[in-house]
Amino acid sequence: MAKDDKRELLLQATLELVATHGFHGAPCAAIAEQAGVATGTIYRYFENKDVLINELYLSLENRINTALLEGYSEEMPFRERFLHVVRGLLKFFISSPLEFKYIEQFHHSPYGVAFRRDRMLGQTESESCCCIYSELFRQGVAQQVIKDLPRVVLFDLAFGPIISVARNHILGFIQLDDDLIEQIAEASWDSLKR
């Protein structure tokens, strides 16, 4: 098996176990067993479990970023760019329930708190999807098309409901289709526009 294959198996096993059982329910031995490798193999690719967890998050963030940038253009009017990002994020989450569960757990764990703080407050420069949102919010406030609120509040208003709706879809409380996704994106825009 190629080196990259084992690394990907470990990342996938971590995703599955953490999404299903949480961080504490995913010890290295269980991750290795799920991946079909010896426990020591983890340490050939990742310094420790914390590094594995963070690298998986960054990998997922990169996948989200790629999905959001598909069809995205800086030339689009501001409102259309915002709606594109909201629709893309919601569609990614509902089509990737394990990834959604992992990201939610990461954000609400000690692993994610400092990471999110840096990203939401703009203290790190990165090509992450979070920076797409940050730049949209910066431009929207500067152009006076969205409310002039602290960035963390803009995140909560725009994406808190999206995360809640995605969770409800994944739990089977609601079935989202393209029409409903469009209505939700418009409602998200309504919460921010001036």
Protein backbone atom coordinates (compact mmCIF):
# COMPACT_ATOMS: atom_id res chain seq x y z
CA MET A 1 0.00 0.00 0.00
CA ALA A 2 1.35 3.44 -0.91
CA LYS A 3 2.29 5.91 1.80
CA ASP A 4 -0.46 8.37 0.80
CA ASP A 5 -3.03 5.55 0.84
CA LYS A 6 -2.29 4.73 4.49
CA ARG A 7 -2.43 8.39 5.43
CA GLU A 8 -5.82 8.74 3.73
CA LEU A 9 -7.07 5.57 5.43
CA LEU A 10 -6.08 7.05 8.80
CA LEU A 11 -7.81 10.34 8.03
CA GLN A 12 -10.98 8.54 6.88
CA ALA A 13 -10.98 6.28 9.94
CA THR A 14 -10.61 9.31 12.21
CA LEU A 15 -13.45 11.08 10.42
CA GLU A 16 -15.76 8.08 10.81
CA LEU A 17 -14.93 7.39 14.45
CA VAL A 18 -15.02 10.98 15.66
CA ALA A 19 -18.24 11.74 13.75
CA THR A 20 -19.86 8.67 15.30
CA HIS A 21 -18.30 8.45 18.78
CA GLY A 22 -16.65 11.82 19.48
CA PHE A 23 -13.00 12.58 20.12
CA HIS A 24 -12.82 10.51 23.29
CA GLY A 25 -14.44 7.58 21.50
CA ALA A 26 -11.70 7.58 18.90
CA PRO A 27 -8.46 6.46 20.58
CA CYS A 28 -5.46 5.82 18.37
CA ALA A 29 -5.86 2.05 18.67
CA ALA A 30 -9.45 2.27 17.37
CA ILE A 31 -8.41 4.60 14.55
CA ALA A 32 -5.66 2.20 13.50
CA GLU A 33 -8.03 -0.78 13.67
CA GLN A 34 -10.66 1.06 11.60
CA ALA A 35 -7.96 1.94 9.04
CA GLY A 36 -6.64 -1.63 8.98
CA VAL A 37 -3.11 -0.68 10.06
CA ALA A 38 -0.96 -1.17 13.14
CA THR A 39 -1.34 1.48 15.85
CA GLY A 40 2.27 2.56 15.42
CA THR A 41 1.56 3.41 11.79
CA ILE A 42 -0.31 6.52 12.93
CA TYR A 43 2.94 7.99 14.24
CA ARG A 44 4.67 7.54 10.89
CA TYR A 45 2.24 10.06 9.39
CA PHE A 46 1.20 12.22 12.34
CA GLU A 47 3.21 13.33 15.35
CA ASN A 48 0.30 12.58 17.69
CA LYS A 49 -3.49 12.37 17.79
CA ASP A 50 -3.83 16.15 18.15
CA VAL A 51 -1.93 16.67 14.90
CA LEU A 52 -4.09 14.04 13.18
CA ILE A 53 -7.29 15.74 14.36
CA ASN A 54 -6.11 19.19 13.26
CA GLU A 55 -4.85 17.96 9.89
CA LEU A 56 -8.18 16.25 9.22
CA TYR A 57 -9.98 19.49 10.01
CA LEU A 58 -7.73 21.44 7.63
CA SER A 59 -8.31 18.82 4.94
CA LEU A 60 -12.08 19.16 5.35
CA GLU A 61 -11.82 22.93 5.31
CA ASN A 62 -9.91 22.69 2.05
CA ARG A 63 -12.66 20.49 0.56
CA ILE A 64 -15.28 23.03 1.60
CA ASN A 65 -13.23 25.86 0.13
CA THR A 66 -12.91 24.00 -3.18
CA ALA A 67 -16.67 23.39 -3.26
CA LEU A 68 -17.47 27.03 -2.47
CA LEU A 69 -15.13 28.40 -5.11
CA GLU A 70 -16.75 26.32 -7.85
CA GLY A 71 -18.66 28.87 -9.93
CA TYR A 72 -17.63 31.73 -7.61
CA SER A 73 -16.34 34.95 -9.13
CA GLU A 74 -15.25 38.23 -7.59
CA GLU A 75 -17.01 39.83 -10.56
CA MET A 76 -20.42 38.68 -9.30
CA PRO A 77 -22.51 41.30 -7.48
CA PHE A 78 -22.01 41.17 -3.71
CA ARG A 79 -25.43 39.71 -2.94
CA GLU A 80 -24.94 36.92 -5.49
CA ARG A 81 -21.53 36.04 -4.06
CA PHE A 82 -23.01 35.84 -0.59
CA LEU A 83 -25.92 33.65 -1.74
CA HIS A 84 -23.49 31.44 -3.68
CA VAL A 85 -21.41 30.83 -0.55
CA VAL A 86 -24.45 30.12 1.65
CA ARG A 87 -25.99 27.72 -0.89
CA GLY A 88 -22.64 26.00 -1.40
CA LEU A 89 -21.98 25.57 2.29
CA LEU A 90 -25.45 24.18 2.96
CA LYS A 91 -25.24 21.77 0.02
CA PHE A 92 -21.79 20.59 1.12
CA PHE A 93 -22.97 19.92 4.66
CA ILE A 94 -26.12 18.01 3.72
CA SER A 95 -24.27 15.90 1.17
CA SER A 96 -21.43 15.14 3.63
CA PRO A 97 -23.00 14.26 6.99
CA LEU A 98 -19.85 12.69 8.50
CA GLU A 99 -17.82 15.74 7.58
CA PHE A 100 -20.50 18.00 9.04
CA LYS A 101 -20.56 16.06 12.32
CA TYR A 102 -16.76 16.13 12.55
CA ILE A 103 -16.60 19.88 11.90
CA GLU A 104 -19.29 20.58 14.47
CA GLN A 105 -17.48 18.53 17.10
CA PHE A 106 -14.17 20.17 16.22
CA HIS A 107 -15.62 23.69 16.52
CA HIS A 108 -17.13 22.96 19.93
CA SER A 109 -14.05 21.26 21.36
CA PRO A 110 -10.82 22.59 22.83
CA TYR A 111 -9.24 21.68 19.46
CA GLY A 112 -11.37 24.20 17.63
CA VAL A 113 -11.95 27.09 20.01
CA ALA A 114 -8.60 28.87 19.52
CA PHE A 115 -8.59 27.98 15.84
CA ARG A 116 -12.04 29.48 15.31
CA ARG A 117 -11.19 32.56 17.36
CA ASP A 118 -8.18 33.29 15.17
CA ARG A 119 -10.14 32.74 11.98
CA MET A 120 -13.26 34.67 12.93
CA LEU A 121 -11.34 37.59 14.35
CA GLY A 122 -9.05 37.66 11.32
CA GLN A 123 -5.87 37.04 13.29
CA THR A 124 -4.52 34.51 10.80
CA GLU A 125 -4.04 34.88 7.09
CA SER A 126 -5.18 31.80 5.26
CA GLU A 127 -6.77 30.66 2.04
CA SER A 128 -9.47 28.93 4.05
CA CYS A 129 -13.18 29.10 3.40
CA CYS A 130 -13.43 31.18 6.56
CA CYS A 131 -11.43 33.87 4.79
CA ILE A 132 -13.96 33.90 1.96
CA TYR A 133 -16.63 34.77 4.53
CA SER A 134 -14.40 37.28 6.29
CA GLU A 135 -13.63 39.04 3.02
CA LEU A 136 -17.31 39.08 2.06
CA PHE A 137 -18.20 40.59 5.43
CA ARG A 138 -15.41 43.15 5.16
CA GLN A 139 -16.54 44.20 1.68
CA GLY A 140 -20.22 44.21 2.61
CA VAL A 141 -19.68 46.48 5.60
CA ALA A 142 -17.37 48.76 3.59
CA GLN A 143 -19.93 49.00 0.76
CA GLN A 144 -22.69 49.51 3.34
CA VAL A 145 -24.77 46.64 1.93
CA ILE A 146 -24.72 44.61 5.16
CA LYS A 147 -25.06 45.65 8.78
CA ASP A 148 -21.97 47.07 10.48
CA LEU A 149 -21.68 44.52 13.27
CA PRO A 150 -18.69 42.73 14.79
CA ARG A 151 -17.47 39.97 12.49
CA VAL A 152 -18.31 37.22 14.97
CA VAL A 153 -21.94 38.45 15.05
CA LEU A 154 -22.07 38.50 11.25
CA PHE A 155 -20.84 34.88 11.25
CA ASP A 156 -23.51 33.89 13.76
CA LEU A 157 -26.32 35.64 11.89
CA ALA A 158 -25.30 34.31 8.50
CA PHE A 159 -24.13 30.80 9.29
CA GLY A 160 -25.62 29.83 12.64
CA PRO A 161 -28.99 29.17 11.01
CA ILE A 162 -27.31 27.35 8.11
CA ILE A 163 -25.57 25.00 10.52
CA SER A 164 -28.81 24.42 12.42
CA VAL A 165 -30.76 23.68 9.24
CA ALA A 166 -28.03 21.31 8.01
CA ARG A 167 -28.10 19.50 11.35
CA ASN A 168 -31.89 19.18 11.17
CA HIS A 169 -31.65 17.77 7.63
CA ILE A 170 -29.01 15.24 8.68
CA LEU A 171 -31.13 14.21 11.69
CA GLY A 172 -34.16 13.72 9.43
CA PHE A 173 -36.27 16.54 10.89
CA ILE A 174 -36.51 18.30 7.53
CA GLN A 175 -35.84 17.34 3.92
CA LEU A 176 -34.04 20.07 2.02
CA ASP A 177 -34.43 20.49 -1.72
CA ASP A 178 -33.13 23.17 -4.08
CA ASP A 179 -36.17 25.43 -3.58
CA LEU A 180 -35.93 25.32 0.20
CA ILE A 181 -32.15 25.83 0.07
CA GLU A 182 -32.75 28.95 -2.03
CA GLN A 183 -35.31 30.27 0.46
CA ILE A 184 -32.90 29.63 3.34
CA ALA A 185 -30.07 31.42 1.51
CA GLU A 186 -32.38 34.40 0.92
CA ALA A 187 -33.38 34.42 4.60
CA SER A 188 -29.71 34.38 5.56
CA TRP A 189 -29.16 37.38 3.31
CA ASP A 190 -32.17 39.14 4.85
CA SER A 191 -30.61 38.79 8.31
CA LEU A 192 -27.54 40.76 7.21
CA LYS A 193 -28.62 43.24 4.58
CA ARG A 194 -29.09 46.90 5.39
